[in-house]
Amino acid sequence: MHASSVIVWNIIEVCVLCFIFYILNVQSKLRTLDLIAYCGYKYTGMIAALSSYLLTHSLFVYRCSLLYVSISLSYFLVCSFLFINDLFYILYLDEMSSTTNIT
């Protein structure tokens, strides 16, 4: 029951992100499989935080590890999205400059 509900919520999350990209007319090279991969990174952080609690039985250690994982995941996702956008614009501008002939 729990695994199937996680899959359903993950599919809903990806659908909402695709819908938001469509409504806001976001031009991105991110495909649906990329969004699924980025949405799945949160589960590794959850497992790490829960493992720290199971090893120490301390809520303080659990909350510190959860805070660390949340901040590092946020930093990783922001850097990844900025890199993908920068790469898109570099490739797009390079493609545009090679197709237009300035005389």
Foldseek 3Di string as FASTA:
>chain_A
DVVVVVVVVLVVVLVVVVVVCVVVVPDFPDDSVNSSVLSVVVVVLVVVLVVQCVVPVDVVSSVVSSVVSVVVSVVVVVVVRVVRVVVVVVVVVVVVVVVDDDD
